[in-house]
Amino acid sequence: MTKQKYDITIRDIFKSISDNLIKILGFGSYVEILNPIFPKTAERIADLLLRLEDDSLLHIEFQSTNDKTMPIRMLGYYHAIKEAYPDKSIRQIVIYIGKDKPKMITQIIDYNIQYNYRLIDIRDIPCENFLNSDKIEDLAIATLCNVKDRERLFKKIAEKLNSLGEKERADWITKILTILGLRDNLIKDFEKVLKEEVKMPITVSLDAEIVENFPYVGDLVKLAKKQAMQEGLQQGLQQGLLEAKREDIKRIIQAKFGQVPEEVEKSISSSDDVNFLNEFLMKAVLTKSINELMEV
């Protein structure tokens, strides 16, 4: 999985949980999500830029690798944000989501400048804050925290995935598998959940790169499609059998009495019970009058 794939997926997920994340970081709430694109000689796109309740700005970057140039990058963002919002105070945070420990320098000290930003390892953020949420976005991010109760986490993820429509479910399976590339120790847990508890999407195609990197996912989708076809065939056969029984009953009644009473029509048409229809069929054969048939 490419670093760009991780970055895009993480940015998308975190944008949708901004409110919860900001509270966890101790900033209360935010008023507005601002445009994170700063076009100049070199276009800069920030991961998340928020206006807080005190009218200050909070800039957050999500980093999956230890980048030696991070202080310079963050200073560049600071310059671009300050140029766009010259009257605003700015706070900057880098949330590290990588496999290794964060080793990035957080400051620049030179003759004419002193600059720093705040660095947070996501594993130091209490996982419970995300795990207690019912949002799939929060549960996905919980996989990156210091997970203590894996069983509970993946049970909640399975339940939430199953509550989503097929398109959204396919999208989130793709996103979770993508970010779990940063947590190899959890992939088997999620694989087990996908096999045993999650209804795999069968009408929506999963990301081709995901199927290539996780072949078992493609196998699960194929199996789900096969089972759906078998269930559909079985249901079709069952419905065909019921309809044939209903038609046999009607033909016998019409042959013996000329017409099918409306009450009898409704009774046999509304029943999906094969045993009931079989009994009714025998009654239609043996009964001697419409009145006797109506007593059934």
C-alpha atoms as a PDB file:
ATOM      1  CA  MET A   1       0.000   0.000   0.000  1.00  0.00           C
ATOM      2  CA  THR A   2       1.468   3.389  -0.984  1.00  0.00           C
ATOM      3  CA  LYS A   3       2.052   6.220   1.492  1.00  0.00           C
ATOM      4  CA  GLN A   4      -0.254   8.407  -0.626  1.00  0.00           C
ATOM      5  CA  LYS A   5      -3.049   5.824  -0.203  1.00  0.00           C
ATOM      6  CA  TYR A   6      -2.593   5.907   3.584  1.00  0.00           C
ATOM      7  CA  ASP A   7      -2.533   9.708   3.642  1.00  0.00           C
ATOM      8  CA  ILE A   8      -5.695  10.126   1.566  1.00  0.00           C
ATOM      9  CA  THR A   9      -7.614   7.509   3.592  1.00  0.00           C
ATOM     10  CA  ILE A  10      -6.523   8.931   6.957  1.00  0.00           C
ATOM     11  CA  ARG A  11      -7.354  12.479   5.879  1.00  0.00           C
ATOM     12  CA  ASP A  12     -10.850  11.421   4.783  1.00  0.00           C
ATOM     13  CA  ILE A  13     -11.568   9.537   8.016  1.00  0.00           C
ATOM     14  CA  PHE A  14     -10.277  12.209  10.373  1.00  0.00           C
ATOM     15  CA  LYS A  15     -12.193  14.972   8.617  1.00  0.00           C
ATOM     16  CA  SER A  16     -15.426  13.183   9.441  1.00  0.00           C
ATOM     17  CA  ILE A  17     -14.619  12.916  13.171  1.00  0.00           C
ATOM     18  CA  SER A  18     -13.275  16.429  13.655  1.00  0.00           C
ATOM     19  CA  ASP A  19     -15.649  17.315  16.493  1.00  0.00           C
ATOM     20  CA  ASN A  20     -14.806  14.279  18.635  1.00  0.00           C
ATOM     21  CA  LEU A  21     -11.084  14.572  17.883  1.00  0.00           C
ATOM     22  CA  ILE A  22     -10.914  18.247  18.824  1.00  0.00           C
ATOM     23  CA  LYS A  23     -12.601  17.560  22.170  1.00  0.00           C
ATOM     24  CA  ILE A  24     -10.177  14.696  22.876  1.00  0.00           C
ATOM     25  CA  LEU A  25      -7.267  17.060  22.166  1.00  0.00           C
ATOM     26  CA  GLY A  26      -8.659  19.510  24.726  1.00  0.00           C
ATOM     27  CA  PHE A  27      -9.915  22.299  22.471  1.00  0.00           C
ATOM     28  CA  GLY A  28     -13.640  22.118  23.274  1.00  0.00           C
ATOM     29  CA  SER A  29     -15.336  22.437  19.909  1.00  0.00           C
ATOM     30  CA  TYR A  30     -14.819  24.164  16.596  1.00  0.00           C
ATOM     31  CA  VAL A  31     -16.939  26.630  14.692  1.00  0.00           C
ATOM     32  CA  GLU A  32     -15.919  25.991  11.103  1.00  0.00           C
ATOM     33  CA  ILE A  33     -13.797  23.780   8.857  1.00  0.00           C
ATOM     34  CA  LEU A  34     -11.756  26.125   6.684  1.00  0.00           C
ATOM     35  CA  ASN A  35     -10.417  25.656   3.175  1.00  0.00           C
ATOM     36  CA  PRO A  36      -7.077  23.824   3.631  1.00  0.00           C
ATOM     37  CA  ILE A  37      -5.700  24.666   0.164  1.00  0.00           C
ATOM     38  CA  PHE A  38      -3.208  27.535  -0.136  1.00  0.00           C
ATOM     39  CA  PRO A  39      -2.317  28.196  -3.790  1.00  0.00           C
ATOM     40  CA  LYS A  40       0.930  30.073  -4.344  1.00  0.00           C
ATOM     41  CA  THR A  41       4.112  29.250  -6.241  1.00  0.00           C
ATOM     42  CA  ALA A  42       3.804  25.750  -4.698  1.00  0.00           C
ATOM     43  CA  GLU A  43       0.278  24.718  -3.676  1.00  0.00           C
ATOM     44  CA  ARG A  44      -0.036  23.523  -0.084  1.00  0.00           C
ATOM     45  CA  ILE A  45      -2.964  21.418   1.101  1.00  0.00           C
ATOM     46  CA  ALA A  46      -3.314  21.013   4.875  1.00  0.00           C
ATOM     47  CA  ASP A  47      -4.950  17.870   6.257  1.00  0.00           C
ATOM     48  CA  LEU A  48      -7.293  19.740   8.597  1.00  0.00           C
ATOM     49  CA  LEU A  49      -7.760  23.435   9.351  1.00  0.00           C
ATOM     50  CA  LEU A  50     -10.380  24.505  11.883  1.00  0.00           C
ATOM     51  CA  ARG A  51     -11.609  27.771  13.345  1.00  0.00           C
ATOM     52  CA  LEU A  52     -12.156  27.258  17.072  1.00  0.00           C
ATOM     53  CA  GLU A  53     -14.720  28.857  19.360  1.00  0.00           C
ATOM     54  CA  ASP A  54     -12.183  31.470  20.550  1.00  0.00           C
ATOM     55  CA  ASP A  55     -11.671  32.467  16.866  1.00  0.00           C
ATOM     56  CA  SER A  56      -8.159  31.019  16.773  1.00  0.00           C
ATOM     57  CA  LEU A  57      -7.125  28.460  14.133  1.00  0.00           C
ATOM     58  CA  LEU A  58      -6.106  24.846  14.681  1.00  0.00           C
ATOM     59  CA  HIS A  59      -4.039  23.160  11.982  1.00  0.00           C
ATOM     60  CA  ILE A  60      -3.615  19.364  12.166  1.00  0.00           C
ATOM     61  CA  GLU A  61      -1.448  17.099  10.002  1.00  0.00           C
ATOM     62  CA  PHE A  62      -1.608  13.289  10.108  1.00  0.00           C
ATOM     63  CA  GLN A  63       1.751  11.637   9.551  1.00  0.00           C
ATOM     64  CA  SER A  64       2.405   7.928   8.922  1.00  0.00           C
ATOM     65  CA  THR A  65       6.207   8.105   8.684  1.00  0.00           C
ATOM     66  CA  ASN A  66       9.041   9.861  10.506  1.00  0.00           C
ATOM     67  CA  ASP A  67       9.827  12.792   8.227  1.00  0.00           C
ATOM     68  CA  LYS A  68      13.047  14.715   8.954  1.00  0.00           C
ATOM     69  CA  THR A  69      11.672  17.725   7.109  1.00  0.00           C
ATOM     70  CA  MET A  70       8.510  17.924   9.236  1.00  0.00           C
ATOM     71  CA  PRO A  71       9.519  21.131  11.104  1.00  0.00           C
ATOM     72  CA  ILE A  72      10.191  22.904   7.793  1.00  0.00           C
ATOM     73  CA  ARG A  73       6.948  21.573   6.313  1.00  0.00           C
ATOM     74  CA  MET A  74       4.958  22.744   9.330  1.00  0.00           C
ATOM     75  CA  LEU A  75       6.633  26.145   9.225  1.00  0.00           C
ATOM     76  CA  GLY A  76       5.669  26.361   5.563  1.00  0.00           C
ATOM     77  CA  TYR A  77       2.063  25.599   6.482  1.00  0.00           C
ATOM     78  CA  TYR A  78       2.227  28.217   9.245  1.00  0.00           C
ATOM     79  CA  HIS A  79       3.403  30.813   6.752  1.00  0.00           C
ATOM     80  CA  ALA A  80       0.673  29.934   4.248  1.00  0.00           C
ATOM     81  CA  ILE A  81      -2.073  29.959   6.920  1.00  0.00           C
ATOM     82  CA  LYS A  82      -0.835  33.225   8.440  1.00  0.00           C
ATOM     83  CA  GLU A  83      -0.758  34.811   5.020  1.00  0.00           C
ATOM     84  CA  ALA A  84      -4.366  33.733   4.389  1.00  0.00           C
ATOM     85  CA  TYR A  85      -5.561  34.650   7.929  1.00  0.00           C
ATOM     86  CA  PRO A  86      -3.166  37.363   9.178  1.00  0.00           C
ATOM     87  CA  ASP A  87      -5.303  38.387  12.166  1.00  0.00           C
ATOM     88  CA  LYS A  88      -5.747  34.841  13.578  1.00  0.00           C
ATOM     89  CA  SER A  89      -3.699  33.037  16.219  1.00  0.00           C
ATOM     90  CA  ILE A  90      -2.574  29.593  15.017  1.00  0.00           C
ATOM     91  CA  ARG A  91      -1.999  26.315  16.843  1.00  0.00           C
ATOM     92  CA  GLN A  92      -0.355  23.423  15.008  1.00  0.00           C
ATOM     93  CA  ILE A  93      -0.397  19.694  15.813  1.00  0.00           C
ATOM     94  CA  VAL A  94       1.053  16.668  14.046  1.00  0.00           C
ATOM     95  CA  ILE A  95      -0.736  13.419  14.935  1.00  0.00           C
ATOM     96  CA  TYR A  96       1.603  10.522  14.262  1.00  0.00           C
ATOM     97  CA  ILE A  97      -0.103   7.290  13.181  1.00  0.00           C
ATOM     98  CA  GLY A  98       2.871   5.237  11.981  1.00  0.00           C
ATOM     99  CA  LYS A  99       4.129   1.824  13.105  1.00  0.00           C
ATOM    100  CA  ASP A 100       7.349   3.004  14.774  1.00  0.00           C
ATOM    101  CA  LYS A 101       7.764   5.493  17.580  1.00  0.00           C
ATOM    102  CA  PRO A 102       7.675   9.153  16.472  1.00  0.00           C
ATOM    103  CA  LYS A 103      11.199  10.573  16.208  1.00  0.00           C
ATOM    104  CA  MET A 104      10.558  13.856  14.462  1.00  0.00           C
ATOM    105  CA  ILE A 105      12.053  17.116  15.685  1.00  0.00           C
ATOM    106  CA  THR A 106       9.345  19.549  16.715  1.00  0.00           C
ATOM    107  CA  GLN A 107      11.182  22.866  16.610  1.00  0.00           C
ATOM    108  CA  ILE A 108      13.409  25.138  14.597  1.00  0.00           C
ATOM    109  CA  ILE A 109      15.866  27.342  16.477  1.00  0.00           C
ATOM    110  CA  ASP A 110      18.063  29.640  14.422  1.00  0.00           C
ATOM    111  CA  TYR A 111      19.557  33.117  14.678  1.00  0.00           C
ATOM    112  CA  ASN A 112      16.391  34.875  13.643  1.00  0.00           C
ATOM    113  CA  ILE A 113      13.650  32.383  14.426  1.00  0.00           C
ATOM    114  CA  GLN A 114      12.244  30.129  17.116  1.00  0.00           C
ATOM    115  CA  TYR A 115       9.432  27.902  15.956  1.00  0.00           C
ATOM    116  CA  ASN A 116       7.735  24.744  17.272  1.00  0.00           C
ATOM    117  CA  TYR A 117       4.671  22.584  16.789  1.00  0.00           C
ATOM    118  CA  ARG A 118       3.051  19.899  18.980  1.00  0.00           C
ATOM    119  CA  LEU A 119       3.632  16.224  18.171  1.00  0.00           C
ATOM    120  CA  ILE A 120       1.151  13.574  19.410  1.00  0.00           C
ATOM    121  CA  ASP A 121       1.438   9.814  18.986  1.00  0.00           C
ATOM    122  CA  ILE A 122      -2.104   8.539  18.376  1.00  0.00           C
ATOM    123  CA  ARG A 123      -1.311   5.560  20.623  1.00  0.00           C
ATOM    124  CA  ASP A 124      -1.129   8.012  23.525  1.00  0.00           C
ATOM    125  CA  ILE A 125      -4.727   9.121  22.928  1.00  0.00           C
ATOM    126  CA  PRO A 126      -7.102   7.012  25.089  1.00  0.00           C
ATOM    127  CA  CYS A 127      -8.707   4.468  22.767  1.00  0.00           C
ATOM    128  CA  GLU A 128     -11.917   4.424  24.850  1.00  0.00           C
ATOM    129  CA  ASN A 129     -12.833   7.873  23.532  1.00  0.00           C
ATOM    130  CA  PHE A 130     -13.214   6.373  20.059  1.00  0.00           C
ATOM    131  CA  LEU A 131     -14.317   2.887  21.115  1.00  0.00           C
ATOM    132  CA  ASN A 132     -17.357   4.239  22.985  1.00  0.00           C
ATOM    133  CA  SER A 133     -18.623   5.932  19.835  1.00  0.00           C
ATOM    134  CA  ASP A 134     -21.246   4.466  17.487  1.00  0.00           C
ATOM    135  CA  LYS A 135     -19.692   6.162  14.446  1.00  0.00           C
ATOM    136  CA  ILE A 136     -17.797   3.923  12.027  1.00  0.00           C
ATOM    137  CA  GLU A 137     -15.260   6.752  11.578  1.00  0.00           C
ATOM    138  CA  ASP A 138     -14.369   6.703  15.273  1.00  0.00           C
ATOM    139  CA  LEU A 139     -14.207   2.903  15.372  1.00  0.00           C
ATOM    140  CA  ALA A 140     -11.876   2.874  12.361  1.00  0.00           C
ATOM    141  CA  ILE A 141      -9.530   5.344  14.047  1.00  0.00           C
ATOM    142  CA  ALA A 142      -9.653   3.255  17.243  1.00  0.00           C
ATOM    143  CA  THR A 143      -7.719   0.563  15.359  1.00  0.00           C
ATOM    144  CA  LEU A 144      -4.756   2.967  15.276  1.00  0.00           C
ATOM    145  CA  CYS A 145      -4.820   3.663  19.019  1.00  0.00           C
ATOM    146  CA  ASN A 146      -3.381   1.462  21.740  1.00  0.00           C
ATOM    147  CA  VAL A 147      -6.115  -1.188  21.455  1.00  0.00           C
ATOM    148  CA  LYS A 148      -6.546  -3.219  24.647  1.00  0.00           C
ATOM    149  CA  ASP A 149      -9.880  -4.904  24.000  1.00  0.00           C
ATOM    150  CA  ARG A 150      -9.600  -6.102  20.403  1.00  0.00           C
ATOM    151  CA  GLU A 151     -12.621  -8.376  20.630  1.00  0.00           C
ATOM    152  CA  ARG A 152     -14.911  -5.532  21.669  1.00  0.00           C
ATOM    153  CA  LEU A 153     -13.491  -3.210  19.004  1.00  0.00           C
ATOM    154  CA  PHE A 154     -13.944  -5.594  16.101  1.00  0.00           C
ATOM    155  CA  LYS A 155     -17.349  -6.744  17.331  1.00  0.00           C
ATOM    156  CA  LYS A 156     -18.525  -3.121  17.242  1.00  0.00           C
ATOM    157  CA  ILE A 157     -16.957  -2.617  13.820  1.00  0.00           C
ATOM    158  CA  ALA A 158     -18.743  -5.734  12.479  1.00  0.00           C
ATOM    159  CA  GLU A 159     -22.097  -4.591  13.881  1.00  0.00           C
ATOM    160  CA  LYS A 160     -21.672  -1.122  12.407  1.00  0.00           C
ATOM    161  CA  LEU A 161     -20.554  -2.423   9.012  1.00  0.00           C
ATOM    162  CA  ASN A 162     -23.590  -4.706   8.832  1.00  0.00           C
ATOM    163  CA  SER A 163     -25.877  -1.740   9.521  1.00  0.00           C
ATOM    164  CA  LEU A 164     -24.554   0.168   6.492  1.00  0.00           C
ATOM    165  CA  GLY A 165     -25.768  -0.026   2.923  1.00  0.00           C
ATOM    166  CA  GLU A 166     -23.666  -2.112   0.521  1.00  0.00           C
ATOM    167  CA  LYS A 167     -21.865   0.833  -1.104  1.00  0.00           C
ATOM    168  CA  GLU A 168     -20.938   2.440   2.220  1.00  0.00           C
ATOM    169  CA  ARG A 169     -20.017  -0.954   3.705  1.00  0.00           C
ATOM    170  CA  ALA A 170     -17.653  -1.668   0.787  1.00  0.00           C
ATOM    171  CA  ASP A 171     -16.124   1.792   1.176  1.00  0.00           C
ATOM    172  CA  TRP A 172     -15.441   1.315   4.900  1.00  0.00           C
ATOM    173  CA  ILE A 173     -14.079  -2.213   4.501  1.00  0.00           C
ATOM    174  CA  THR A 174     -11.603  -0.694   2.029  1.00  0.00           C
ATOM    175  CA  LYS A 175     -10.694   2.169   4.368  1.00  0.00           C
ATOM    176  CA  ILE A 176     -10.191  -0.058   7.406  1.00  0.00           C
ATOM    177  CA  LEU A 177      -8.049  -2.544   5.481  1.00  0.00           C
ATOM    178  CA  THR A 178      -5.995   0.385   4.180  1.00  0.00           C
ATOM    179  CA  ILE A 179      -5.204   1.878   7.580  1.00  0.00           C
ATOM    180  CA  LEU A 180      -4.581  -1.569   9.083  1.00  0.00           C
ATOM    181  CA  GLY A 181      -1.549  -1.625   6.820  1.00  0.00           C
ATOM    182  CA  LEU A 182      -0.141   0.535   9.623  1.00  0.00           C
ATOM    183  CA  ARG A 183      -1.156  -2.038  12.266  1.00  0.00           C
ATOM    184  CA  ASP A 184      -0.121  -5.444  10.933  1.00  0.00           C
ATOM    185  CA  ASN A 185      -0.863  -7.067  14.303  1.00  0.00           C
ATOM    186  CA  LEU A 186      -4.595  -6.364  13.871  1.00  0.00           C
ATOM    187  CA  ILE A 187      -5.112  -7.560  10.305  1.00  0.00           C
ATOM    188  CA  LYS A 188      -5.825 -11.170  11.337  1.00  0.00           C
ATOM    189  CA  ASP A 189      -8.452  -9.974  13.834  1.00  0.00           C
ATOM    190  CA  PHE A 190     -10.230  -8.025  11.104  1.00  0.00           C
ATOM    191  CA  GLU A 191      -9.870 -10.912   8.651  1.00  0.00           C
ATOM    192  CA  LYS A 192     -11.613 -13.187  11.174  1.00  0.00           C
ATOM    193  CA  VAL A 193     -14.444 -10.682  11.580  1.00  0.00           C
ATOM    194  CA  LEU A 194     -14.887 -10.361   7.826  1.00  0.00           C
ATOM    195  CA  LYS A 195     -15.092 -14.139   7.447  1.00  0.00           C
ATOM    196  CA  GLU A 196     -17.429 -14.829  10.354  1.00  0.00           C
ATOM    197  CA  GLU A 197     -19.548 -11.757  11.086  1.00  0.00           C
ATOM    198  CA  VAL A 198     -19.637  -9.206   8.269  1.00  0.00           C
ATOM    199  CA  LYS A 199     -22.093  -9.424   5.374  1.00  0.00           C
ATOM    200  CA  MET A 200     -19.803  -8.931   2.392  1.00  0.00           C
ATOM    201  CA  PRO A 201     -21.103  -6.536  -0.287  1.00  0.00           C
ATOM    202  CA  ILE A 202     -22.128  -8.404  -3.444  1.00  0.00           C
ATOM    203  CA  THR A 203     -23.611  -5.655  -5.615  1.00  0.00           C
ATOM    204  CA  VAL A 204     -20.731  -3.183  -5.224  1.00  0.00           C
ATOM    205  CA  SER A 205     -17.129  -3.807  -6.324  1.00  0.00           C
ATOM    206  CA  LEU A 206     -14.374  -3.388  -3.732  1.00  0.00           C
ATOM    207  CA  ASP A 207     -11.254  -1.357  -4.477  1.00  0.00           C
ATOM    208  CA  ALA A 208      -9.080  -3.347  -6.922  1.00  0.00           C
ATOM    209  CA  GLU A 209      -5.881  -2.635  -4.964  1.00  0.00           C
ATOM    210  CA  ILE A 210      -7.477  -3.948  -1.767  1.00  0.00           C
ATOM    211  CA  VAL A 211      -8.542  -7.184  -3.464  1.00  0.00           C
ATOM    212  CA  GLU A 212      -5.027  -7.539  -4.886  1.00  0.00           C
ATOM    213  CA  ASN A 213      -3.303  -6.947  -1.521  1.00  0.00           C
ATOM    214  CA  PHE A 214      -5.829  -8.994   0.474  1.00  0.00           C
ATOM    215  CA  PRO A 215      -6.843 -11.919  -1.810  1.00  0.00           C
ATOM    216  CA  TYR A 216      -9.046 -13.474   0.877  1.00  0.00           C
ATOM    217  CA  VAL A 217     -11.340 -10.423   0.647  1.00  0.00           C
ATOM    218  CA  GLY A 218     -12.021 -11.198  -3.002  1.00  0.00           C
ATOM    219  CA  ASP A 219     -12.639 -14.853  -2.078  1.00  0.00           C
ATOM    220  CA  LEU A 220     -15.133 -13.798   0.613  1.00  0.00           C
ATOM    221  CA  VAL A 221     -17.029 -11.618  -1.866  1.00  0.00           C
ATOM    222  CA  LYS A 222     -17.152 -14.500  -4.388  1.00  0.00           C
ATOM    223  CA  LEU A 223     -18.421 -16.859  -1.663  1.00  0.00           C
ATOM    224  CA  ALA A 224     -21.072 -14.328  -0.575  1.00  0.00           C
ATOM    225  CA  LYS A 225     -22.258 -13.963  -4.178  1.00  0.00           C
ATOM    226  CA  LYS A 226     -22.431 -17.742  -4.602  1.00  0.00           C
ATOM    227  CA  GLN A 227     -24.427 -18.144  -1.391  1.00  0.00           C
ATOM    228  CA  ALA A 228     -26.766 -15.329  -2.429  1.00  0.00           C
ATOM    229  CA  MET A 229     -27.377 -17.058  -5.769  1.00  0.00           C
ATOM    230  CA  GLN A 230     -28.074 -20.374  -4.043  1.00  0.00           C
ATOM    231  CA  GLU A 231     -30.428 -18.716  -1.560  1.00  0.00           C
ATOM    232  CA  GLY A 232     -32.166 -16.910  -4.407  1.00  0.00           C
ATOM    233  CA  LEU A 233     -32.539 -20.161  -6.321  1.00  0.00           C
ATOM    234  CA  GLN A 234     -33.904 -21.924  -3.248  1.00  0.00           C
ATOM    235  CA  GLN A 235     -36.365 -19.110  -2.603  1.00  0.00           C
ATOM    236  CA  GLY A 236     -37.424 -19.234  -6.255  1.00  0.00           C
ATOM    237  CA  LEU A 237     -38.049 -22.971  -6.067  1.00  0.00           C
ATOM    238  CA  GLN A 238     -40.008 -22.551  -2.841  1.00  0.00           C
ATOM    239  CA  GLN A 239     -42.152 -19.793  -4.319  1.00  0.00           C
ATOM    240  CA  GLY A 240     -42.737 -21.907  -7.443  1.00  0.00           C
ATOM    241  CA  LEU A 241     -43.889 -24.834  -5.319  1.00  0.00           C
ATOM    242  CA  LEU A 242     -46.301 -22.650  -3.331  1.00  0.00           C
ATOM    243  CA  GLU A 243     -47.746 -21.084  -6.471  1.00  0.00           C
ATOM    244  CA  ALA A 244     -48.242 -24.510  -8.043  1.00  0.00           C
ATOM    245  CA  LYS A 245     -50.125 -25.681  -4.936  1.00  0.00           C
ATOM    246  CA  ARG A 246     -52.375 -22.621  -5.026  1.00  0.00           C
ATOM    247  CA  GLU A 247     -53.164 -23.162  -8.711  1.00  0.00           C
ATOM    248  CA  ASP A 248     -53.962 -26.857  -8.124  1.00  0.00           C
ATOM    249  CA  ILE A 249     -56.433 -25.934  -5.373  1.00  0.00           C
ATOM    250  CA  LYS A 250     -58.145 -23.342  -7.586  1.00  0.00           C
ATOM    251  CA  ARG A 251     -58.429 -25.721 -10.535  1.00  0.00           C
ATOM    252  CA  ILE A 252     -60.012 -28.453  -8.386  1.00  0.00           C
ATOM    253  CA  ILE A 253     -62.540 -26.042  -6.862  1.00  0.00           C
ATOM    254  CA  GLN A 254     -63.416 -24.562 -10.253  1.00  0.00           C
ATOM    255  CA  ALA A 255     -63.836 -28.030 -11.771  1.00  0.00           C
ATOM    256  CA  LYS A 256     -66.138 -29.161  -8.939  1.00  0.00           C
ATOM    257  CA  PHE A 257     -68.072 -25.996  -8.085  1.00  0.00           C
ATOM    258  CA  GLY A 258     -67.622 -23.597 -11.024  1.00  0.00           C
ATOM    259  CA  GLN A 259     -65.941 -20.778  -9.106  1.00  0.00           C
ATOM    260  CA  VAL A 260     -63.498 -20.072  -6.267  1.00  0.00           C
ATOM    261  CA  PRO A 261     -65.102 -18.166  -3.368  1.00  0.00           C
ATOM    262  CA  GLU A 262     -63.368 -14.856  -2.607  1.00  0.00           C
ATOM    263  CA  GLU A 263     -62.705 -15.890   1.002  1.00  0.00           C
ATOM    264  CA  VAL A 264     -60.997 -19.103  -0.159  1.00  0.00           C
ATOM    265  CA  GLU A 265     -59.000 -17.155  -2.770  1.00  0.00           C
ATOM    266  CA  LYS A 266     -57.668 -14.795  -0.100  1.00  0.00           C
ATOM    267  CA  SER A 267     -56.896 -17.635   2.294  1.00  0.00           C
ATOM    268  CA  ILE A 268     -54.768 -19.655  -0.091  1.00  0.00           C
ATOM    269  CA  SER A 269     -53.132 -16.624  -1.763  1.00  0.00           C
ATOM    270  CA  SER A 270     -51.911 -15.210   1.552  1.00  0.00           C
ATOM    271  CA  SER A 271     -50.485 -18.483   2.877  1.00  0.00           C
ATOM    272  CA  ASP A 272     -46.823 -19.502   2.501  1.00  0.00           C
ATOM    273  CA  ASP A 273     -47.339 -22.643   4.570  1.00  0.00           C
ATOM    274  CA  VAL A 274     -46.880 -25.730   2.377  1.00  0.00           C
ATOM    275  CA  ASN A 275     -48.548 -27.999   4.963  1.00  0.00           C
ATOM    276  CA  PHE A 276     -51.621 -25.780   5.109  1.00  0.00           C
ATOM    277  CA  LEU A 277     -51.908 -25.729   1.319  1.00  0.00           C
ATOM    278  CA  ASN A 278     -51.507 -29.524   1.122  1.00  0.00           C
ATOM    279  CA  GLU A 279     -54.330 -29.982   3.655  1.00  0.00           C
ATOM    280  CA  PHE A 280     -56.505 -27.505   1.771  1.00  0.00           C
ATOM    281  CA  LEU A 281     -55.827 -29.371  -1.461  1.00  0.00           C
ATOM    282  CA  MET A 282     -57.036 -32.651   0.063  1.00  0.00           C
ATOM    283  CA  LYS A 283     -60.128 -30.912   1.465  1.00  0.00           C
ATOM    284  CA  ALA A 284     -60.894 -29.517  -1.995  1.00  0.00           C
ATOM    285  CA  VAL A 285     -60.672 -33.030  -3.438  1.00  0.00           C
ATOM    286  CA  LEU A 286     -62.843 -34.662  -0.751  1.00  0.00           C
ATOM    287  CA  THR A 287     -65.421 -31.980   0.075  1.00  0.00           C
ATOM    288  CA  LYS A 288     -68.896 -32.301  -1.454  1.00  0.00           C
ATOM    289  CA  SER A 289     -70.116 -28.710  -1.304  1.00  0.00           C
ATOM    290  CA  ILE A 290     -68.958 -25.102  -1.259  1.00  0.00           C
ATOM    291  CA  ASN A 291     -70.432 -24.671   2.204  1.00  0.00           C
ATOM    292  CA  GLU A 292     -68.413 -27.609   3.495  1.00  0.00           C
ATOM    293  CA  LEU A 293     -65.289 -26.150   1.874  1.00  0.00           C
ATOM    294  CA  MET A 294     -65.956 -22.759   3.504  1.00  0.00           C
ATOM    295  CA  GLU A 295     -65.939 -24.424   6.888  1.00  0.00           C
ATOM    296  CA  VAL A 296     -62.280 -25.421   6.474  1.00  0.00           C
END
